[in-house]
Amino acid sequence: IISTGSTMIQGVKVLQSSGMQKPICIGIHPVFAKGAEQNLLAAGAEKIVSVNTIPHHTNEIDISPAIITLLQSQ
């Protein structure tokens, strides 16, 4: 879950202090409190990708087929 982004921001800082390239951050539920997305990008994230469990412009991972399959098997 990405709410305030503070946990991911800390992760980005650790990765960058280790000399790694800008990371792509992946979140399951893109809640994004006010300013969270911008803060994460400003901290050095290359990109933010999220699952479409909550509609957001970062949604790139579609879990609809998995949910449909699960519901059909019930």
PDB file of N, CA and C in Angstrom:
ATOM      1  N   ILE A   1       0.858  -1.171   0.000  1.00  0.00           N
ATOM      2  CA  ILE A   1       0.000   0.000   0.000  1.00  0.00           C
ATOM      3  C   ILE A   1       0.904   1.233   0.000  1.00  0.00           C
ATOM      4  N   ILE A   2       0.597   2.149  -0.872  1.00  0.00           N
ATOM      5  CA  ILE A   2       1.324   3.426  -0.855  1.00  0.00           C
ATOM      6  C   ILE A   2       0.341   4.484  -0.371  1.00  0.00           C
ATOM      7  N   SER A   3       0.531   4.923   0.865  1.00  0.00           N
ATOM      8  CA  SER A   3      -0.350   5.977   1.384  1.00  0.00           C
ATOM      9  C   SER A   3       0.427   7.294   1.456  1.00  0.00           C
ATOM     10  N   THR A   4       1.313   7.435   2.414  1.00  0.00           N
ATOM     11  CA  THR A   4       2.111   8.663   2.487  1.00  0.00           C
ATOM     12  C   THR A   4       3.368   8.565   1.630  1.00  0.00           C
ATOM     13  N   GLY A   5       3.775   7.335   1.309  1.00  0.00           N
ATOM     14  CA  GLY A   5       4.983   7.118   0.522  1.00  0.00           C
ATOM     15  C   GLY A   5       6.252   7.116   1.335  1.00  0.00           C
ATOM     16  N   SER A   6       6.159   7.355   2.650  1.00  0.00           N
ATOM     17  CA  SER A   6       7.368   7.514   3.467  1.00  0.00           C
ATOM     18  C   SER A   6       8.228   6.245   3.515  1.00  0.00           C
ATOM     19  N   THR A   7       7.620   5.082   3.550  1.00  0.00           N
ATOM     20  CA  THR A   7       8.404   3.840   3.581  1.00  0.00           C
ATOM     21  C   THR A   7       9.155   3.663   2.264  1.00  0.00           C
ATOM     22  N   MET A   8       8.471   3.911   1.161  1.00  0.00           N
ATOM     23  CA  MET A   8       9.141   3.795  -0.144  1.00  0.00           C
ATOM     24  C   MET A   8      10.202   4.864  -0.319  1.00  0.00           C
ATOM     25  N   ILE A   9       9.963   6.050   0.192  1.00  0.00           N
ATOM     26  CA  ILE A   9      10.962   7.118   0.106  1.00  0.00           C
ATOM     27  C   ILE A   9      12.235   6.690   0.822  1.00  0.00           C
ATOM     28  N   GLN A  10      12.100   6.093   1.984  1.00  0.00           N
ATOM     29  CA  GLN A  10      13.280   5.606   2.707  1.00  0.00           C
ATOM     30  C   GLN A  10      14.004   4.530   1.910  1.00  0.00           C
ATOM     31  N   GLY A  11      13.234   3.645   1.277  1.00  0.00           N
ATOM     32  CA  GLY A  11      13.833   2.609   0.440  1.00  0.00           C
ATOM     33  C   GLY A  11      14.585   3.193  -0.745  1.00  0.00           C
ATOM     34  N   VAL A  12      14.013   4.196  -1.367  1.00  0.00           N
ATOM     35  CA  VAL A  12      14.659   4.873  -2.496  1.00  0.00           C
ATOM     36  C   VAL A  12      15.979   5.486  -2.037  1.00  0.00           C
ATOM     37  N   LYS A  13      15.969   6.127  -0.889  1.00  0.00           N
ATOM     38  CA  LYS A  13      17.188   6.760  -0.366  1.00  0.00           C
ATOM     39  C   LYS A  13      18.280   5.724  -0.099  1.00  0.00           C
ATOM     40  N   VAL A  14      17.910   4.591   0.459  1.00  0.00           N
ATOM     41  CA  VAL A  14      18.892   3.532   0.741  1.00  0.00           C
ATOM     42  C   VAL A  14      19.487   3.010  -0.563  1.00  0.00           C
ATOM     43  N   LEU A  15      18.630   2.760  -1.541  1.00  0.00           N
ATOM     44  CA  LEU A  15      19.117   2.250  -2.821  1.00  0.00           C
ATOM     45  C   LEU A  15      20.048   3.245  -3.492  1.00  0.00           C
ATOM     46  N   GLN A  16      19.671   4.503  -3.481  1.00  0.00           N
ATOM     47  CA  GLN A  16      20.504   5.508  -4.137  1.00  0.00           C
ATOM     48  C   GLN A  16      21.818   5.735  -3.390  1.00  0.00           C
ATOM     49  N   SER A  17      21.796   5.631  -2.068  1.00  0.00           N
ATOM     50  CA  SER A  17      23.041   5.794  -1.309  1.00  0.00           C
ATOM     51  C   SER A  17      23.992   4.629  -1.551  1.00  0.00           C
ATOM     52  N   SER A  18      23.443   3.515  -2.052  1.00  0.00           N
ATOM     53  CA  SER A  18      24.261   2.352  -2.397  1.00  0.00           C
ATOM     54  C   SER A  18      24.782   2.440  -3.828  1.00  0.00           C
ATOM     55  N   GLY A  19      24.452   3.525  -4.515  1.00  0.00           N
ATOM     56  CA  GLY A  19      24.937   3.728  -5.869  1.00  0.00           C
ATOM     57  C   GLY A  19      24.066   3.109  -6.950  1.00  0.00           C
ATOM     58  N   MET A  20      22.890   2.662  -6.590  1.00  0.00           N
ATOM     59  CA  MET A  20      22.007   2.047  -7.572  1.00  0.00           C
ATOM     60  C   MET A  20      21.285   3.119  -8.392  1.00  0.00           C
ATOM     61  N   GLN A  21      20.780   2.687  -9.549  1.00  0.00           N
ATOM     62  CA  GLN A  21      20.007   3.590 -10.393  1.00  0.00           C
ATOM     63  C   GLN A  21      18.674   3.901  -9.733  1.00  0.00           C
ATOM     64  N   LYS A  22      17.977   4.893 -10.274  1.00  0.00           N
ATOM     65  CA  LYS A  22      16.657   5.250  -9.761  1.00  0.00           C
ATOM     66  C   LYS A  22      15.736   4.034  -9.840  1.00  0.00           C
ATOM     67  N   PRO A  23      15.083   3.686  -8.738  1.00  0.00           N
ATOM     68  CA  PRO A  23      14.219   2.503  -8.747  1.00  0.00           C
ATOM     69  C   PRO A  23      12.827   2.776  -9.310  1.00  0.00           C
ATOM     70  N   ILE A  24      12.199   1.704  -9.767  1.00  0.00           N
ATOM     71  CA  ILE A  24      10.787   1.735 -10.112  1.00  0.00           C
ATOM     72  C   ILE A  24      10.052   1.199  -8.888  1.00  0.00           C
ATOM     73  N   CYS A  25       9.166   1.989  -8.336  1.00  0.00           N
ATOM     74  CA  CYS A  25       8.430   1.603  -7.133  1.00  0.00           C
ATOM     75  C   CYS A  25       7.104   0.955  -7.534  1.00  0.00           C
ATOM     76  N   ILE A  26       6.803  -0.188  -6.928  1.00  0.00           N
ATOM     77  CA  ILE A  26       5.583  -0.919  -7.239  1.00  0.00           C
ATOM     78  C   ILE A  26       4.720  -1.007  -5.989  1.00  0.00           C
ATOM     79  N   GLY A  27       3.452  -0.641  -6.127  1.00  0.00           N
ATOM     80  CA  GLY A  27       2.520  -0.695  -4.999  1.00  0.00           C
ATOM     81  C   GLY A  27       1.250  -1.439  -5.362  1.00  0.00           C
ATOM     82  N   ILE A  28       0.667  -2.098  -4.389  1.00  0.00           N
ATOM     83  CA  ILE A  28      -0.562  -2.850  -4.604  1.00  0.00           C
ATOM     84  C   ILE A  28      -1.781  -1.930  -4.571  1.00  0.00           C
ATOM     85  N   HIS A  29      -1.891  -1.114  -3.548  1.00  0.00           N
ATOM     86  CA  HIS A  29      -3.035  -0.212  -3.406  1.00  0.00           C
ATOM     87  C   HIS A  29      -2.532   1.229  -3.435  1.00  0.00           C
ATOM     88  N   PRO A  30      -2.738   1.960  -4.531  1.00  0.00           N
ATOM     89  CA  PRO A  30      -2.234   3.327  -4.642  1.00  0.00           C
ATOM     90  C   PRO A  30      -3.168   4.355  -3.981  1.00  0.00           C
ATOM     91  N   VAL A  31      -3.112   4.431  -2.652  1.00  0.00           N
ATOM     92  CA  VAL A  31      -3.954   5.374  -1.918  1.00  0.00           C
ATOM     93  C   VAL A  31      -3.467   6.808  -2.154  1.00  0.00           C
ATOM     94  N   PHE A  32      -2.192   7.048  -2.014  1.00  0.00           N
ATOM     95  CA  PHE A  32      -1.546   8.338  -2.248  1.00  0.00           C
ATOM     96  C   PHE A  32      -2.188   9.511  -1.513  1.00  0.00           C
ATOM     97  N   ALA A  33      -1.764   9.697  -0.268  1.00  0.00           N
ATOM     98  CA  ALA A  33      -2.158  10.895   0.480  1.00  0.00           C
ATOM     99  C   ALA A  33      -1.633  12.116  -0.277  1.00  0.00           C
ATOM    100  N   LYS A  34      -2.163  13.272   0.044  1.00  0.00           N
ATOM    101  CA  LYS A  34      -1.788  14.510  -0.653  1.00  0.00           C
ATOM    102  C   LYS A  34      -0.263  14.682  -0.693  1.00  0.00           C
ATOM    103  N   GLY A  35       0.270  14.811  -1.883  1.00  0.00           N
ATOM    104  CA  GLY A  35       1.700  15.039  -2.067  1.00  0.00           C
ATOM    105  C   GLY A  35       2.564  13.792  -2.070  1.00  0.00           C
ATOM    106  N   ALA A  36       2.014  12.639  -1.756  1.00  0.00           N
ATOM    107  CA  ALA A  36       2.811  11.415  -1.627  1.00  0.00           C
ATOM    108  C   ALA A  36       3.489  11.021  -2.939  1.00  0.00           C
ATOM    109  N   GLU A  37       2.724  11.043  -4.011  1.00  0.00           N
ATOM    110  CA  GLU A  37       3.298  10.652  -5.306  1.00  0.00           C
ATOM    111  C   GLU A  37       4.430  11.607  -5.698  1.00  0.00           C
ATOM    112  N   GLN A  38       4.198  12.886  -5.574  1.00  0.00           N
ATOM    113  CA  GLN A  38       5.207  13.878  -5.925  1.00  0.00           C
ATOM    114  C   GLN A  38       6.439  13.748  -5.035  1.00  0.00           C
ATOM    115  N   ASN A  39       6.236  13.477  -3.740  1.00  0.00           N
ATOM    116  CA  ASN A  39       7.364  13.323  -2.817  1.00  0.00           C
ATOM    117  C   ASN A  39       8.207  12.109  -3.164  1.00  0.00           C
ATOM    118  N   LEU A  40       7.547  11.039  -3.554  1.00  0.00           N
ATOM    119  CA  LEU A  40       8.266   9.816  -3.919  1.00  0.00           C
ATOM    120  C   LEU A  40       9.104  10.040  -5.181  1.00  0.00           C
ATOM    121  N   LEU A  41       8.539  10.694  -6.152  1.00  0.00           N
ATOM    122  CA  LEU A  41       9.290  11.000  -7.370  1.00  0.00           C
ATOM    123  C   LEU A  41      10.428  11.974  -7.083  1.00  0.00           C
ATOM    124  N   ALA A  42      10.166  12.965  -6.237  1.00  0.00           N
ATOM    125  CA  ALA A  42      11.202  13.935  -5.871  1.00  0.00           C
ATOM    126  C   ALA A  42      12.339  13.284  -5.091  1.00  0.00           C
ATOM    127  N   ALA A  43      12.042  12.211  -4.366  1.00  0.00           N
ATOM    128  CA  ALA A  43      13.060  11.503  -3.602  1.00  0.00           C
ATOM    129  C   ALA A  43      13.986  10.694  -4.508  1.00  0.00           C
ATOM    130  N   GLY A  44      13.555  10.499  -5.759  1.00  0.00           N
ATOM    131  CA  GLY A  44      14.435   9.804  -6.696  1.00  0.00           C
ATOM    132  C   GLY A  44      13.856   8.587  -7.373  1.00  0.00           C
ATOM    133  N   ALA A  45      12.577   8.305  -7.164  1.00  0.00           N
ATOM    134  CA  ALA A  45      11.971   7.170  -7.867  1.00  0.00           C
ATOM    135  C   ALA A  45      11.906   7.479  -9.359  1.00  0.00           C
ATOM    136  N   GLU A  46      12.282   6.516 -10.172  1.00  0.00           N
ATOM    137  CA  GLU A  46      12.204   6.684 -11.628  1.00  0.00           C
ATOM    138  C   GLU A  46      10.756   6.709 -12.089  1.00  0.00           C
ATOM    139  N   LYS A  47       9.956   5.831 -11.479  1.00  0.00           N
ATOM    140  CA  LYS A  47       8.576   5.641 -11.910  1.00  0.00           C
ATOM    141  C   LYS A  47       7.823   4.950 -10.789  1.00  0.00           C
ATOM    142  N   ILE A  48       6.511   5.124 -10.772  1.00  0.00           N
ATOM    143  CA  ILE A  48       5.654   4.423  -9.821  1.00  0.00           C
ATOM    144  C   ILE A  48       4.655   3.608 -10.626  1.00  0.00           C
ATOM    145  N   VAL A  49       4.580   2.324 -10.309  1.00  0.00           N
ATOM    146  CA  VAL A  49       3.656   1.408 -10.968  1.00  0.00           C
ATOM    147  C   VAL A  49       2.753   0.819  -9.894  1.00  0.00           C
ATOM    148  N   SER A  50       1.455   0.736 -10.195  1.00  0.00           N
ATOM    149  CA  SER A  50       0.537   0.175  -9.205  1.00  0.00           C
ATOM    150  C   SER A  50      -0.427  -0.816  -9.842  1.00  0.00           C
ATOM    151  N   VAL A  51      -1.033  -1.597  -8.959  1.00  0.00           N
ATOM    152  CA  VAL A  51      -2.067  -2.557  -9.340  1.00  0.00           C
ATOM    153  C   VAL A  51      -3.387  -1.796  -9.430  1.00  0.00           C
ATOM    154  N   ASN A  52      -4.280  -2.242 -10.277  1.00  0.00           N
ATOM    155  CA  ASN A  52      -5.541  -1.523 -10.494  1.00  0.00           C
ATOM    156  C   ASN A  52      -6.616  -1.845  -9.449  1.00  0.00           C
ATOM    157  N   THR A  53      -6.206  -2.045  -8.210  1.00  0.00           N
ATOM    158  CA  THR A  53      -7.171  -2.262  -7.131  1.00  0.00           C
ATOM    159  C   THR A  53      -7.863  -0.964  -6.731  1.00  0.00           C
ATOM    160  N   ILE A  54      -7.192   0.159  -6.959  1.00  0.00           N
ATOM    161  CA  ILE A  54      -7.746   1.497  -6.756  1.00  0.00           C
ATOM    162  C   ILE A  54      -7.407   2.275  -8.025  1.00  0.00           C
ATOM    163  N   PRO A  55      -8.401   2.821  -8.716  1.00  0.00           N
ATOM    164  CA  PRO A  55      -8.104   3.534  -9.962  1.00  0.00           C
ATOM    165  C   PRO A  55      -7.130   4.696  -9.743  1.00  0.00           C
ATOM    166  N   HIS A  56      -6.059   4.711 -10.537  1.00  0.00           N
ATOM    167  CA  HIS A  56      -5.047   5.759 -10.448  1.00  0.00           C
ATOM    168  C   HIS A  56      -4.244   5.743 -11.739  1.00  0.00           C
ATOM    169  N   HIS A  57      -3.698   6.875 -12.129  1.00  0.00           N
ATOM    170  CA  HIS A  57      -2.970   6.932 -13.394  1.00  0.00           C
ATOM    171  C   HIS A  57      -1.699   6.085 -13.387  1.00  0.00           C
ATOM    172  N   THR A  58      -1.256   5.606 -12.230  1.00  0.00           N
ATOM    173  CA  THR A  58      -0.077   4.736 -12.159  1.00  0.00           C
ATOM    174  C   THR A  58      -0.429   3.262 -12.363  1.00  0.00           C
ATOM    175  N   ASN A  59      -1.710   2.929 -12.496  1.00  0.00           N
ATOM    176  CA  ASN A  59      -2.137   1.539 -12.692  1.00  0.00           C
ATOM    177  C   ASN A  59      -1.538   0.973 -13.974  1.00  0.00           C
ATOM    178  N   GLU A  60      -0.697  -0.027 -13.818  1.00  0.00           N
ATOM    179  CA  GLU A  60      -0.134  -0.728 -14.975  1.00  0.00           C
ATOM    180  C   GLU A  60      -0.225  -2.246 -14.815  1.00  0.00           C
ATOM    181  N   ILE A  61      -0.659  -2.683 -13.640  1.00  0.00           N
ATOM    182  CA  ILE A  61      -0.777  -4.118 -13.385  1.00  0.00           C
ATOM    183  C   ILE A  61      -2.261  -4.433 -13.207  1.00  0.00           C
ATOM    184  N   ASP A  62      -2.800  -5.188 -14.136  1.00  0.00           N
ATOM    185  CA  ASP A  62      -4.225  -5.505 -14.146  1.00  0.00           C
ATOM    186  C   ASP A  62      -4.467  -6.862 -13.498  1.00  0.00           C
ATOM    187  N   ILE A  63      -5.177  -6.862 -12.371  1.00  0.00           N
ATOM    188  CA  ILE A  63      -5.485  -8.133 -11.713  1.00  0.00           C
ATOM    189  C   ILE A  63      -6.909  -8.606 -11.993  1.00  0.00           C
ATOM    190  N   SER A  64      -7.602  -7.922 -12.892  1.00  0.00           N
ATOM    191  CA  SER A  64      -8.977  -8.309 -13.228  1.00  0.00           C
ATOM    192  C   SER A  64      -9.090  -9.766 -13.659  1.00  0.00           C
ATOM    193  N   PRO A  65      -8.213 -10.273 -14.543  1.00  0.00           N
ATOM    194  CA  PRO A  65      -8.333 -11.682 -14.938  1.00  0.00           C
ATOM    195  C   PRO A  65      -8.228 -12.649 -13.754  1.00  0.00           C
ATOM    196  N   ALA A  66      -7.355 -12.361 -12.824  1.00  0.00           N
ATOM    197  CA  ALA A  66      -7.209 -13.236 -11.662  1.00  0.00           C
ATOM    198  C   ALA A  66      -8.465 -13.214 -10.793  1.00  0.00           C
ATOM    199  N   ILE A  67      -9.059 -12.049 -10.621  1.00  0.00           N
ATOM    200  CA  ILE A  67     -10.284 -11.937  -9.824  1.00  0.00           C
ATOM    201  C   ILE A  67     -11.424 -12.657 -10.521  1.00  0.00           C
ATOM    202  N   ILE A  68     -11.544 -12.485 -11.826  1.00  0.00           N
ATOM    203  CA  ILE A  68     -12.604 -13.149 -12.594  1.00  0.00           C
ATOM    204  C   ILE A  68     -12.466 -14.654 -12.485  1.00  0.00           C
ATOM    205  N   THR A  69     -11.258 -15.161 -12.655  1.00  0.00           N
ATOM    206  CA  THR A  69     -11.014 -16.607 -12.541  1.00  0.00           C
ATOM    207  C   THR A  69     -11.393 -17.105 -11.166  1.00  0.00           C
ATOM    208  N   LEU A  70     -11.026 -16.390 -10.142  1.00  0.00           N
ATOM    209  CA  LEU A  70     -11.357 -16.784  -8.772  1.00  0.00           C
ATOM    210  C   LEU A  70     -12.862 -16.804  -8.563  1.00  0.00           C
ATOM    211  N   LEU A  71     -13.551 -15.786  -9.034  1.00  0.00           N
ATOM    212  CA  LEU A  71     -15.007 -15.718  -8.851  1.00  0.00           C
ATOM    213  C   LEU A  71     -15.721 -16.817  -9.641  1.00  0.00           C
ATOM    214  N   GLN A  72     -15.219 -17.134 -10.814  1.00  0.00           N
ATOM    215  CA  GLN A  72     -15.828 -18.182 -11.630  1.00  0.00           C
ATOM    216  C   GLN A  72     -15.643 -19.568 -11.019  1.00  0.00           C
ATOM    217  N   SER A  73     -14.590 -19.732 -10.211  1.00  0.00           N
ATOM    218  CA  SER A  73     -14.338 -21.039  -9.597  1.00  0.00           C
ATOM    219  C   SER A  73     -15.142 -21.253  -8.321  1.00  0.00           C
ATOM    220  N   GLN A  74     -15.862 -20.232  -7.880  1.00  0.00           N
ATOM    221  CA  GLN A  74     -16.635 -20.329  -6.638  1.00  0.00           C
ATOM    222  C   GLN A  74     -17.931 -21.057  -6.839  1.00  0.00           C
TER     223      GLN A  74
END
